[in-house]
Protein backbone atom coordinates (compact mmCIF):
# COMPACT_ATOMS: atom_id res chain seq x y z
CA MET A 1 0.00 0.00 0.00
CA LYS A 2 1.27 3.46 -0.92
CA SER A 3 1.98 6.01 1.76
CA PRO A 4 -0.49 8.90 2.12
CA VAL A 5 2.15 11.39 0.95
CA VAL A 6 2.54 9.59 -2.37
CA VAL A 7 -1.23 9.38 -2.85
CA VAL A 8 -1.65 13.10 -2.14
CA ALA A 9 1.23 13.99 -4.46
CA ILE A 10 -0.23 11.93 -7.31
CA THR A 11 -3.70 13.40 -6.74
CA LEU A 12 -2.40 16.99 -6.71
CA THR A 13 -0.35 16.38 -9.85
CA ALA A 14 -3.37 14.98 -11.65
CA ALA A 15 -5.56 17.89 -10.53
CA ILE A 16 -2.99 20.44 -11.72
CA LEU A 17 -2.69 18.72 -15.10
CA VAL A 18 -6.47 18.64 -15.54
CA ALA A 19 -6.82 22.31 -14.56
CA ALA A 20 -4.00 23.36 -16.90
CA SER A 21 -5.43 21.43 -19.81
CA LEU A 22 -8.88 22.95 -19.23
CA LEU A 23 -7.37 26.44 -19.19
CA ILE A 24 -5.54 25.72 -22.43
CA ILE A 25 -8.68 24.34 -24.08
CA VAL A 26 -10.81 27.30 -22.98
CA GLY A 27 -8.09 29.74 -24.05
CA THR A 28 -7.83 28.26 -27.54
CA ARG A 29 -11.61 28.21 -28.08
CA LYS A 30 -11.68 32.00 -28.41
CA GLY A 31 -12.19 33.48 -31.84
CA ALA A 32 -9.22 33.54 -34.22
CA GLY A 33 -8.78 37.30 -33.94
CA THR A 34 -9.15 37.67 -30.19
CA SER A 35 -6.38 37.47 -27.66
CA THR A 36 -6.86 36.83 -23.98
CA LEU A 37 -3.47 38.35 -23.12
CA ASN A 38 -4.43 41.95 -23.84
CA ALA A 39 -7.97 41.80 -22.50
CA PRO A 40 -8.78 44.58 -20.03
CA THR A 41 -9.06 43.43 -16.48
CA LEU A 42 -12.39 43.64 -14.74
CA GLN A 43 -12.30 46.26 -12.06
CA GLN A 44 -14.21 45.32 -8.99
CA GLN A 45 -14.65 47.29 -5.85
CA VAL A 46 -13.01 45.69 -2.89
CA LYS A 47 -14.47 46.42 0.50
CA HIS A 48 -11.96 46.18 3.28
CA THR A 49 -13.28 44.81 6.51
CA HIS A 50 -11.38 45.21 9.71
CA MET A 51 -11.62 42.51 12.28
CA VAL A 52 -11.82 43.82 15.81
């Protein structure tokens, strides 16, 4: 039986590979003339909360 560290490492590696491949697939499905690198960033208001 494999040690828990090996199982966690394999699981994390698989999850990272799946996430990276999904990002690549979604990025390449854009139109031929559009680029995601120069897209303007969405500006959202951030409310700062102070914990007392």
